Full PDB file with SEQRES, HELIX, SHEET, SSBOND, CRYST1, ORIGX, SCALE, CONECT and MASTER records, all heavy atoms in Angstrom:
SEQRES   1 A   41  ALA PRO GLU ALA MET ALA TRP ASN VAL PRO GLU GLY VAL          
SEQRES   2 A   41  ASP ASP ALA THR ALA LEU ALA MET VAL VAL GLN GLY ALA          
SEQRES   3 A   41  SER ALA TRP LEU LEU LEU ARG ARG SER VAL HIS LEU ALA          
SEQRES   4 A   41  PRO GLY                                                      
HELIX    1 AA1 GLU A    3  MET A    5  5                                   3    
HELIX    2 AA2 ASP A   15  LEU A   19  1                                   5    
HELIX    3 AA3 ALA A   20  GLY A   25  3                                   6    
HELIX    4 AA4 ALA A   26  LEU A   30  1                                   5    
HELIX    5 AA5 LEU A   31  SER A   35  3                                   5    
CRYST1    1.000    1.000    1.000  90.00  90.00  90.00 P 1           1          
ORIGX1      1.000000  0.000000  0.000000        0.00000                         
ORIGX2      0.000000  1.000000  0.000000        0.00000                         
ORIGX3      0.000000  0.000000  1.000000        0.00000                         
SCALE1      1.000000  0.000000  0.000000        0.00000                         
SCALE2      0.000000  1.000000  0.000000        0.00000                         
SCALE3      0.000000  0.000000  1.000000        0.00000                         
ATOM      1  N   ALA A   1     116.817  86.609  84.254  1.00  0.00           N  
ATOM      2  CA  ALA A   1     117.263  85.441  83.578  1.00  0.00           C  
ATOM      3  C   ALA A   1     118.250  85.919  82.518  1.00  0.00           C  
ATOM      4  O   ALA A   1     118.281  87.055  81.883  1.00  0.00           O  
ATOM      5  CB  ALA A   1     116.121  84.691  82.810  1.00  0.00           C  
ATOM      6  N   PRO A   2     119.382  85.173  82.280  1.00  0.00           N  
ATOM      7  CA  PRO A   2     120.251  85.393  81.079  1.00  0.00           C  
ATOM      8  C   PRO A   2     119.456  85.493  79.787  1.00  0.00           C  
ATOM      9  O   PRO A   2     118.480  84.523  79.643  1.00  0.00           O  
ATOM     10  CB  PRO A   2     121.266  84.279  81.227  1.00  0.00           C  
ATOM     11  CG  PRO A   2     121.181  83.760  82.568  1.00  0.00           C  
ATOM     12  CD  PRO A   2     119.806  83.861  82.957  1.00  0.00           C  
ATOM     13  N   GLU A   3     119.688  86.340  78.969  1.00  0.00           N  
ATOM     14  CA  GLU A   3     118.936  86.353  77.609  1.00  0.00           C  
ATOM     15  C   GLU A   3     119.064  85.061  76.945  1.00  0.00           C  
ATOM     16  O   GLU A   3     118.015  84.640  76.334  1.00  0.00           O  
ATOM     17  CB  GLU A   3     119.463  87.585  76.804  1.00  0.00           C  
ATOM     18  CG  GLU A   3     119.065  88.786  77.294  1.00  0.00           C  
ATOM     19  CD  GLU A   3     119.526  90.041  76.485  1.00  0.00           C  
ATOM     20  OE1 GLU A   3     120.325  89.731  75.436  1.00  0.00           O  
ATOM     21  OE2 GLU A   3     119.201  91.140  76.667  1.00  0.00           O  
ATOM     22  N   ALA A   4     120.152  84.445  77.068  1.00  0.00           N  
ATOM     23  CA  ALA A   4     120.388  83.194  76.312  1.00  0.00           C  
ATOM     24  C   ALA A   4     119.610  82.034  76.918  1.00  0.00           C  
ATOM     25  O   ALA A   4     119.537  80.838  76.337  1.00  0.00           O  
ATOM     26  CB  ALA A   4     121.923  82.892  76.289  1.00  0.00           C  
ATOM     27  N   MET A   5     119.008  82.097  78.119  1.00  0.00           N  
ATOM     28  CA  MET A   5     118.239  81.079  78.726  1.00  0.00           C  
ATOM     29  C   MET A   5     116.820  81.454  78.877  1.00  0.00           C  
ATOM     30  O   MET A   5     116.151  80.995  79.737  1.00  0.00           O  
ATOM     31  CB  MET A   5     118.787  80.788  80.029  1.00  0.00           C  
ATOM     32  CG  MET A   5     120.248  80.171  80.015  1.00  0.00           C  
ATOM     33  SD  MET A   5     120.857  79.699  81.587  1.00  0.00           S  
ATOM     34  CE  MET A   5     122.533  79.284  81.172  1.00  0.00           C  
ATOM     35  N   ALA A   6     116.259  82.302  77.899  1.00  0.00           N  
ATOM     36  CA  ALA A   6     114.975  82.738  77.903  1.00  0.00           C  
ATOM     37  C   ALA A   6     114.448  82.314  76.519  1.00  0.00           C  
ATOM     38  O   ALA A   6     114.978  82.799  75.533  1.00  0.00           O  
ATOM     39  CB  ALA A   6     114.816  84.192  78.278  1.00  0.00           C  
ATOM     40  N   TRP A   7     113.449  81.491  76.412  1.00  0.00           N  
ATOM     41  CA  TRP A   7     112.843  81.185  75.123  1.00  0.00           C  
ATOM     42  C   TRP A   7     111.357  81.480  74.865  1.00  0.00           C  
ATOM     43  O   TRP A   7     110.681  81.402  75.897  1.00  0.00           O  
ATOM     44  CB  TRP A   7     112.992  79.545  75.106  1.00  0.00           C  
ATOM     45  CG  TRP A   7     114.518  79.056  75.147  1.00  0.00           C  
ATOM     46  CD1 TRP A   7     115.360  78.898  74.142  1.00  0.00           C  
ATOM     47  CD2 TRP A   7     115.125  78.672  76.210  1.00  0.00           C  
ATOM     48  NE1 TRP A   7     116.501  78.462  74.474  1.00  0.00           N  
ATOM     49  CE2 TRP A   7     116.475  78.338  75.805  1.00  0.00           C  
ATOM     50  CE3 TRP A   7     114.869  78.680  77.606  1.00  0.00           C  
ATOM     51  CZ2 TRP A   7     117.453  77.816  76.783  1.00  0.00           C  
ATOM     52  CZ3 TRP A   7     115.745  78.210  78.555  1.00  0.00           C  
ATOM     53  CH2 TRP A   7     117.107  77.834  78.039  1.00  0.00           C  
ATOM     54  N   ASN A   8     111.184  81.897  73.698  1.00  0.00           N  
ATOM     55  CA  ASN A   8     109.755  82.245  73.405  1.00  0.00           C  
ATOM     56  C   ASN A   8     108.828  81.035  73.505  1.00  0.00           C  
ATOM     57  O   ASN A   8     109.051  80.030  73.140  1.00  0.00           O  
ATOM     58  CB  ASN A   8     109.620  82.874  72.003  1.00  0.00           C  
ATOM     59  CG  ASN A   8     110.262  84.263  71.855  1.00  0.00           C  
ATOM     60  OD1 ASN A   8     110.490  84.986  72.852  1.00  0.00           O  
ATOM     61  ND2 ASN A   8     110.768  84.599  70.633  1.00  0.00           N  
ATOM     62  N   VAL A   9     107.616  81.370  74.125  1.00  0.00           N  
ATOM     63  CA  VAL A   9     106.648  80.304  74.250  1.00  0.00           C  
ATOM     64  C   VAL A   9     105.700  80.215  73.125  1.00  0.00           C  
ATOM     65  O   VAL A   9     105.111  81.324  72.775  1.00  0.00           O  
ATOM     66  CB  VAL A   9     105.826  80.440  75.555  1.00  0.00           C  
ATOM     67  CG1 VAL A   9     104.782  79.273  75.730  1.00  0.00           C  
ATOM     68  CG2 VAL A   9     106.753  80.386  76.812  1.00  0.00           C  
ATOM     69  N   PRO A  10     105.564  79.204  72.395  1.00  0.00           N  
ATOM     70  CA  PRO A  10     104.644  79.189  71.257  1.00  0.00           C  
ATOM     71  C   PRO A  10     103.184  79.374  71.661  1.00  0.00           C  
ATOM     72  O   PRO A  10     102.752  79.152  72.713  1.00  0.00           O  
ATOM     73  CB  PRO A  10     104.941  77.754  70.529  1.00  0.00           C  
ATOM     74  CG  PRO A  10     106.150  77.232  71.252  1.00  0.00           C  
ATOM     75  CD  PRO A  10     106.368  77.782  72.456  1.00  0.00           C  
ATOM     76  N   GLU A  11     102.483  79.959  70.644  1.00  0.00           N  
ATOM     77  CA  GLU A  11     101.102  80.169  70.826  1.00  0.00           C  
ATOM     78  C   GLU A  11     100.368  78.849  71.286  1.00  0.00           C  
ATOM     79  O   GLU A  11     100.813  77.836  70.501  1.00  0.00           O  
ATOM     80  CB  GLU A  11     100.451  80.787  69.584  1.00  0.00           C  
ATOM     81  CG  GLU A  11     100.878  82.189  69.185  1.00  0.00           C  
ATOM     82  CD  GLU A  11     100.347  83.150  70.334  1.00  0.00           C  
ATOM     83  OE1 GLU A  11      99.203  82.926  70.927  1.00  0.00           O  
ATOM     84  OE2 GLU A  11     100.991  84.183  70.590  1.00  0.00           O  
ATOM     85  N   GLY A  12      99.548  78.846  72.016  1.00  0.00           N  
ATOM     86  CA  GLY A  12      98.812  77.606  72.362  1.00  0.00           C  
ATOM     87  C   GLY A  12      99.342  76.777  73.490  1.00  0.00           C  
ATOM     88  O   GLY A  12      98.716  75.737  73.813  1.00  0.00           O  
ATOM     89  N   VAL A  13     100.586  77.117  73.888  1.00  0.00           N  
ATOM     90  CA  VAL A  13     101.236  76.393  75.001  1.00  0.00           C  
ATOM     91  C   VAL A  13     100.952  77.210  76.242  1.00  0.00           C  
ATOM     92  O   VAL A  13     101.335  78.259  76.387  1.00  0.00           O  
ATOM     93  CB  VAL A  13     102.756  76.232  74.687  1.00  0.00           C  
ATOM     94  CG1 VAL A  13     103.399  75.600  75.861  1.00  0.00           C  
ATOM     95  CG2 VAL A  13     102.955  75.410  73.527  1.00  0.00           C  
ATOM     96  N   ASP A  14     100.280  76.463  77.274  1.00  0.00           N  
ATOM     97  CA  ASP A  14     100.076  77.182  78.604  1.00  0.00           C  
ATOM     98  C   ASP A  14     101.260  77.138  79.379  1.00  0.00           C  
ATOM     99  O   ASP A  14     102.373  76.563  79.196  1.00  0.00           O  
ATOM    100  CB  ASP A  14      98.801  76.494  79.164  1.00  0.00           C  
ATOM    101  CG  ASP A  14      99.081  75.081  79.531  1.00  0.00           C  
ATOM    102  OD1 ASP A  14     100.137  74.758  79.641  1.00  0.00           O  
ATOM    103  OD2 ASP A  14      97.939  74.372  79.596  1.00  0.00           O  
ATOM    104  N   ASP A  15     101.037  77.935  80.579  1.00  0.00           N  
ATOM    105  CA  ASP A  15     102.264  78.074  81.506  1.00  0.00           C  
ATOM    106  C   ASP A  15     102.724  76.790  82.005  1.00  0.00           C  
ATOM    107  O   ASP A  15     103.960  76.570  82.084  1.00  0.00           O  
ATOM    108  CB  ASP A  15     101.738  79.064  82.687  1.00  0.00           C  
ATOM    109  CG  ASP A  15     101.677  80.460  82.236  1.00  0.00           C  
ATOM    110  OD1 ASP A  15     102.130  80.821  81.226  1.00  0.00           O  
ATOM    111  OD2 ASP A  15     101.196  81.256  83.148  1.00  0.00           O  
ATOM    112  N   ALA A  16     101.774  75.774  82.417  1.00  0.00           N  
ATOM    113  CA  ALA A  16     102.184  74.635  82.977  1.00  0.00           C  
ATOM    114  C   ALA A  16     102.885  73.767  81.990  1.00  0.00           C  
ATOM    115  O   ALA A  16     104.015  73.203  82.396  1.00  0.00           O  
ATOM    116  CB  ALA A  16     100.971  73.837  83.427  1.00  0.00           C  
ATOM    117  N   THR A  17     102.549  73.767  80.660  1.00  0.00           N  
ATOM    118  CA  THR A  17     103.230  72.968  79.721  1.00  0.00           C  
ATOM    119  C   THR A  17     104.657  73.640  79.425  1.00  0.00           C  
ATOM    120  O   THR A  17     105.688  72.888  79.314  1.00  0.00           O  
ATOM    121  CB  THR A  17     102.429  72.915  78.434  1.00  0.00           C  
ATOM    122  OG1 THR A  17     101.189  72.249  78.709  1.00  0.00           O  
ATOM    123  CG2 THR A  17     103.198  72.135  77.391  1.00  0.00           C  
ATOM    124  N   ALA A  18     104.742  74.939  79.365  1.00  0.00           N  
ATOM    125  CA  ALA A  18     106.024  75.590  79.106  1.00  0.00           C  
ATOM    126  C   ALA A  18     107.027  75.261  80.205  1.00  0.00           C  
ATOM    127  O   ALA A  18     108.170  74.961  79.867  1.00  0.00           O  
ATOM    128  CB  ALA A  18     105.792  77.065  78.946  1.00  0.00           C  
ATOM    129  N   LEU A  19     106.520  75.263  81.499  1.00  0.00           N  
ATOM    130  CA  LEU A  19     107.464  75.027  82.583  1.00  0.00           C  
ATOM    131  C   LEU A  19     107.766  73.577  82.651  1.00  0.00           C  
ATOM    132  O   LEU A  19     108.961  73.165  82.990  1.00  0.00           O  
ATOM    133  CB  LEU A  19     106.805  75.484  83.849  1.00  0.00           C  
ATOM    134  CG  LEU A  19     106.750  77.067  84.116  1.00  0.00           C  
ATOM    135  CD1 LEU A  19     105.910  77.286  85.308  1.00  0.00           C  
ATOM    136  CD2 LEU A  19     108.252  77.543  84.322  1.00  0.00           C  
ATOM    137  N   ALA A  20     106.954  72.794  82.223  1.00  0.00           N  
ATOM    138  CA  ALA A  20     107.123  71.323  82.301  1.00  0.00           C  
ATOM    139  C   ALA A  20     108.311  70.947  81.314  1.00  0.00           C  
ATOM    140  O   ALA A  20     109.119  70.115  81.540  1.00  0.00           O  
ATOM    141  CB  ALA A  20     105.935  70.495  81.918  1.00  0.00           C  
ATOM    142  N   MET A  21     108.233  71.618  80.251  1.00  0.00           N  
ATOM    143  CA  MET A  21     109.222  71.330  79.099  1.00  0.00           C  
ATOM    144  C   MET A  21     110.587  71.866  79.391  1.00  0.00           C  
ATOM    145  O   MET A  21     111.617  71.199  79.038  1.00  0.00           O  
ATOM    146  CB  MET A  21     108.808  71.744  77.769  1.00  0.00           C  
ATOM    147  CG  MET A  21     107.479  71.073  77.287  1.00  0.00           C  
ATOM    148  SD  MET A  21     107.529  69.349  77.292  1.00  0.00           S  
ATOM    149  CE  MET A  21     105.817  69.028  77.573  1.00  0.00           C  
ATOM    150  N   VAL A  22     110.755  72.988  79.981  1.00  0.00           N  
ATOM    151  CA  VAL A  22     112.069  73.643  80.081  1.00  0.00           C  
ATOM    152  C   VAL A  22     113.162  72.892  81.015  1.00  0.00           C  
ATOM    153  O   VAL A  22     114.347  73.006  80.746  1.00  0.00           O  
ATOM    154  CB  VAL A  22     111.903  75.101  80.479  1.00  0.00           C  
ATOM    155  CG1 VAL A  22     111.689  75.276  82.083  1.00  0.00           C  
ATOM    156  CG2 VAL A  22     113.139  75.958  80.057  1.00  0.00           C  
ATOM    157  N   VAL A  23     112.723  72.287  82.033  1.00  0.00           N  
ATOM    158  CA  VAL A  23     113.673  71.447  82.866  1.00  0.00           C  
ATOM    159  C   VAL A  23     113.328  69.981  82.673  1.00  0.00           C  
ATOM    160  O   VAL A  23     114.146  69.262  82.326  1.00  0.00           O  
ATOM    161  CB  VAL A  23     113.536  71.911  84.370  1.00  0.00           C  
ATOM    162  CG1 VAL A  23     114.274  70.930  85.252  1.00  0.00           C  
ATOM    163  CG2 VAL A  23     114.256  73.232  84.457  1.00  0.00           C  
ATOM    164  N   GLN A  24     112.027  69.617  83.095  1.00  0.00           N  
ATOM    165  CA  GLN A  24     111.695  68.203  83.103  1.00  0.00           C  
ATOM    166  C   GLN A  24     111.668  67.558  81.757  1.00  0.00           C  
ATOM    167  O   GLN A  24     112.179  66.490  81.548  1.00  0.00           O  
ATOM    168  CB  GLN A  24     110.485  68.032  83.949  1.00  0.00           C  
ATOM    169  CG  GLN A  24     110.697  68.359  85.383  1.00  0.00           C  
ATOM    170  CD  GLN A  24     109.471  68.674  86.202  1.00  0.00           C  
ATOM    171  OE1 GLN A  24     108.463  69.160  85.620  1.00  0.00           O  
ATOM    172  NE2 GLN A  24     109.475  68.402  87.473  1.00  0.00           N  
ATOM    173  N   GLY A  25     110.998  68.289  80.864  1.00  0.00           N  
ATOM    174  CA  GLY A  25     111.039  67.668  79.474  1.00  0.00           C  
ATOM    175  C   GLY A  25     112.360  67.662  78.807  1.00  0.00           C  
ATOM    176  O   GLY A  25     112.770  66.688  78.174  1.00  0.00           O  
ATOM    177  N   ALA A  26     113.167  68.785  79.014  1.00  0.00           N  
ATOM    178  CA  ALA A  26     114.492  68.784  78.477  1.00  0.00           C  
ATOM    179  C   ALA A  26     115.375  67.667  79.171  1.00  0.00           C  
ATOM    180  O   ALA A  26     116.276  67.105  78.446  1.00  0.00           O  
ATOM    181  CB  ALA A  26     115.136  70.184  78.641  1.00  0.00           C  
ATOM    182  N   SER A  27     115.175  67.359  80.435  1.00  0.00           N  
ATOM    183  CA  SER A  27     115.838  66.365  81.051  1.00  0.00           C  
ATOM    184  C   SER A  27     115.633  65.039  80.503  1.00  0.00           C  
ATOM    185  O   SER A  27     116.403  64.184  80.183  1.00  0.00           O  
ATOM    186  CB  SER A  27     115.579  66.378  82.615  1.00  0.00           C  
ATOM    187  OG  SER A  27     116.105  67.539  83.217  1.00  0.00           O  
ATOM    188  N   ALA A  28     114.182  64.755  80.305  1.00  0.00           N  
ATOM    189  CA  ALA A  28     113.796  63.460  79.740  1.00  0.00           C  
ATOM    190  C   ALA A  28     114.371  63.371  78.249  1.00  0.00           C  
ATOM    191  O   ALA A  28     114.846  62.184  77.883  1.00  0.00           O  
ATOM    192  CB  ALA A  28     112.282  63.394  79.639  1.00  0.00           C  
ATOM    193  N   TRP A  29     114.446  64.380  77.525  1.00  0.00           N  
ATOM    194  CA  TRP A  29     114.931  64.394  76.177  1.00  0.00           C  
ATOM    195  C   TRP A  29     116.420  64.098  76.204  1.00  0.00           C  
ATOM    196  O   TRP A  29     116.934  63.308  75.506  1.00  0.00           O  
ATOM    197  CB  TRP A  29     114.782  65.896  75.572  1.00  0.00           C  
ATOM    198  CG  TRP A  29     115.010  65.964  74.113  1.00  0.00           C  
ATOM    199  CD1 TRP A  29     114.124  65.948  72.994  1.00  0.00           C  
ATOM    200  CD2 TRP A  29     116.210  66.307  73.426  1.00  0.00           C  
ATOM    201  NE1 TRP A  29     114.805  66.188  71.867  1.00  0.00           N  
ATOM    202  CE2 TRP A  29     116.129  66.332  72.060  1.00  0.00           C  
ATOM    203  CE3 TRP A  29     117.508  66.463  73.968  1.00  0.00           C  
ATOM    204  CZ2 TRP A  29     117.115  66.744  71.179  1.00  0.00           C  
ATOM    205  CZ3 TRP A  29     118.464  66.672  73.173  1.00  0.00           C  
ATOM    206  CH2 TRP A  29     118.385  66.882  71.809  1.00  0.00           C  
ATOM    207  N   LEU A  30     117.170  64.764  77.005  1.00  0.00           N  
ATOM    208  CA  LEU A  30     118.612  64.569  77.038  1.00  0.00           C  
ATOM    209  C   LEU A  30     118.862  63.071  77.525  1.00  0.00           C  
ATOM    210  O   LEU A  30     119.818  62.350  77.017  1.00  0.00           O  
ATOM    211  CB  LEU A  30     119.278  65.501  78.069  1.00  0.00           C  
ATOM    212  CG  LEU A  30     119.506  66.854  77.387  1.00  0.00           C  
ATOM    213  CD1 LEU A  30     119.738  67.843  78.549  1.00  0.00           C  
ATOM    214  CD2 LEU A  30     120.578  66.897  76.494  1.00  0.00           C  
ATOM    215  N   LEU A  31     118.070  62.653  78.579  1.00  0.00           N  
ATOM    216  CA  LEU A  31     118.441  61.298  79.036  1.00  0.00           C  
ATOM    217  C   LEU A  31     118.277  60.231  77.992  1.00  0.00           C  
ATOM    218  O   LEU A  31     119.056  59.339  77.675  1.00  0.00           O  
ATOM    219  CB  LEU A  31     117.352  60.891  80.190  1.00  0.00           C  
ATOM    220  CG  LEU A  31     117.717  61.649  81.490  1.00  0.00           C  
ATOM    221  CD1 LEU A  31     116.517  61.503  82.415  1.00  0.00           C  
ATOM    222  CD2 LEU A  31     118.796  61.048  82.192  1.00  0.00           C  
ATOM    223  N   LEU A  32     117.221  60.291  77.151  1.00  0.00           N  
ATOM    224  CA  LEU A  32     116.828  59.404  76.086  1.00  0.00           C  
ATOM    225  C   LEU A  32     117.694  59.594  74.852  1.00  0.00           C  
ATOM    226  O   LEU A  32     118.184  58.610  74.220  1.00  0.00           O  
ATOM    227  CB  LEU A  32     115.374  59.404  75.767  1.00  0.00           C  
ATOM    228  CG  LEU A  32     114.452  58.801  76.948  1.00  0.00           C  
ATOM    229  CD1 LEU A  32     113.113  59.164  76.536  1.00  0.00           C  
ATOM    230  CD2 LEU A  32     114.646  57.407  77.069  1.00  0.00           C  
ATOM    231  N   ARG A  33     117.933  60.894  74.503  1.00  0.00           N  
ATOM    232  CA  ARG A  33     118.703  61.237  73.331  1.00  0.00           C  
ATOM    233  C   ARG A  33     120.201  61.051  73.421  1.00  0.00           C  
ATOM    234  O   ARG A  33     120.886  60.566  72.605  1.00  0.00           O  
ATOM    235  CB  ARG A  33     118.355  62.503  72.798  1.00  0.00           C  
ATOM    236  CG  ARG A  33     116.913  62.671  72.123  1.00  0.00           C  
ATOM    237  CD  ARG A  33     116.873  62.188  70.738  1.00  0.00           C  
ATOM    238  NE  ARG A  33     115.746  62.593  69.928  1.00  0.00           N  
ATOM    239  CZ  ARG A  33     114.980  61.811  69.302  1.00  0.00           C  
ATOM    240  NH1 ARG A  33     115.181  60.457  69.278  1.00  0.00           N  
ATOM    241  NH2 ARG A  33     113.974  62.249  68.653  1.00  0.00           N  
ATOM    242  N   ARG A  34     120.670  61.700  74.601  1.00  0.00           N  
ATOM    243  CA  ARG A  34     122.027  61.765  74.686  1.00  0.00           C  
ATOM    244  C   ARG A  34     122.753  60.750  75.766  1.00  0.00           C  
ATOM    245  O   ARG A  34     123.791  60.248  75.431  1.00  0.00           O  
ATOM    246  CB  ARG A  34     122.511  63.218  75.163  1.00  0.00           C  
ATOM    247  CG  ARG A  34     122.155  64.342  74.218  1.00  0.00           C  
ATOM    248  CD  ARG A  34     123.404  64.429  73.308  1.00  0.00           C  
ATOM    249  NE  ARG A  34     123.331  65.583  72.335  1.00  0.00           N  
ATOM    250  CZ  ARG A  34     124.233  66.187  71.900  1.00  0.00           C  
ATOM    251  NH1 ARG A  34     125.507  66.084  72.356  1.00  0.00           N  
ATOM    252  NH2 ARG A  34     124.157  67.121  70.892  1.00  0.00           N  
ATOM    253  N   SER A  35     122.084  60.497  76.792  1.00  0.00           N  
ATOM    254  CA  SER A  35     122.642  59.610  77.946  1.00  0.00           C  
ATOM    255  C   SER A  35     122.613  58.197  77.515  1.00  0.00           C  
ATOM    256  O   SER A  35     123.493  57.354  77.663  1.00  0.00           O  
ATOM    257  CB  SER A  35     122.056  59.878  79.162  1.00  0.00           C  
ATOM    258  OG  SER A  35     122.144  61.257  79.685  1.00  0.00           O  
ATOM    259  N   VAL A  36     121.449  57.703  77.054  1.00  0.00           N  
ATOM    260  CA  VAL A  36     121.244  56.266  76.734  1.00  0.00           C  
ATOM    261  C   VAL A  36     121.085  55.914  75.260  1.00  0.00           C  
ATOM    262  O   VAL A  36     121.228  54.834  74.879  1.00  0.00           O  
ATOM    263  CB  VAL A  36     120.055  55.693  77.485  1.00  0.00           C  
ATOM    264  CG1 VAL A  36     120.168  55.931  78.980  1.00  0.00           C  
ATOM    265  CG2 VAL A  36     118.821  56.213  77.015  1.00  0.00           C  
ATOM    266  N   HIS A  37     121.042  57.068  74.350  1.00  0.00           N  
ATOM    267  CA  HIS A  37     120.897  56.884  73.004  1.00  0.00           C  
ATOM    268  C   HIS A  37     119.965  55.723  72.686  1.00  0.00           C  
ATOM    269  O   HIS A  37     120.195  54.757  71.928  1.00  0.00           O  
ATOM    270  CB  HIS A  37     122.207  56.427  72.409  1.00  0.00           C  
ATOM    271  CG  HIS A  37     123.310  57.528  72.568  1.00  0.00           C  
ATOM    272  ND1 HIS A  37     123.319  58.588  71.790  1.00  0.00           N  
ATOM    273  CD2 HIS A  37     124.184  57.659  73.489  1.00  0.00           C  
ATOM    274  CE1 HIS A  37     124.316  59.541  72.257  1.00  0.00           C  
ATOM    275  NE2 HIS A  37     124.970  58.861  73.248  1.00  0.00           N  
ATOM    276  N   LEU A  38     118.669  55.910  73.058  1.00  0.00           N  
ATOM    277  CA  LEU A  38     117.486  55.028  72.965  1.00  0.00           C  
ATOM    278  C   LEU A  38     117.409  54.635  71.459  1.00  0.00           C  
ATOM    279  O   LEU A  38     117.356  55.436  70.527  1.00  0.00           O  
ATOM    280  CB  LEU A  38     116.214  55.594  73.405  1.00  0.00           C  
ATOM    281  CG  LEU A  38     114.892  54.684  73.149  1.00  0.00           C  
ATOM    282  CD1 LEU A  38     115.055  53.406  73.966  1.00  0.00           C  
ATOM    283  CD2 LEU A  38     113.737  55.454  73.464  1.00  0.00           C  
ATOM    284  N   ALA A  39     117.344  53.291  71.167  1.00  0.00           N  
ATOM    285  CA  ALA A  39     117.156  52.790  69.860  1.00  0.00           C  
ATOM    286  C   ALA A  39     115.698  52.203  69.679  1.00  0.00           C  
ATOM    287  O   ALA A  39     115.215  51.593  70.749  1.00  0.00           O  
ATOM    288  CB  ALA A  39     118.114  51.687  69.473  1.00  0.00           C  
ATOM    289  N   PRO A  40     115.144  52.235  68.565  1.00  0.00           N  
ATOM    290  CA  PRO A  40     113.766  51.709  68.405  1.00  0.00           C  
ATOM    291  C   PRO A  40     113.783  50.109  68.760  1.00  0.00           C  
ATOM    292  O   PRO A  40     114.714  49.450  68.425  1.00  0.00           O  
ATOM    293  CB  PRO A  40     113.517  51.891  66.959  1.00  0.00           C  
ATOM    294  CG  PRO A  40     114.310  53.140  66.480  1.00  0.00           C  
ATOM    295  CD  PRO A  40     115.556  52.912  67.297  1.00  0.00           C  
ATOM    296  N   GLY A  41     112.664  49.749  69.496  1.00  0.00           N  
ATOM    297  CA  GLY A  41     112.505  48.414  69.922  1.00  0.00           C  
ATOM    298  C   GLY A  41     113.179  48.094  71.214  1.00  0.00           C  
ATOM    299  O   GLY A  41     112.808  46.950  71.680  1.00  0.00           O  
TER     300      GLY A  41                                                      
MASTER        0    0    0    5    0    0    0    6  299    1    0    4          
END                                                                             
């Protein structure tokens, strides 16, 4: 992997959770934060 695309996994985060966040979690984050700019309510 490129060094810039490897992130340390915090203690207590298992493999499944780490992998879920790096593509699917980040995608959900970007969709809501950047693509649609979700507002409360």
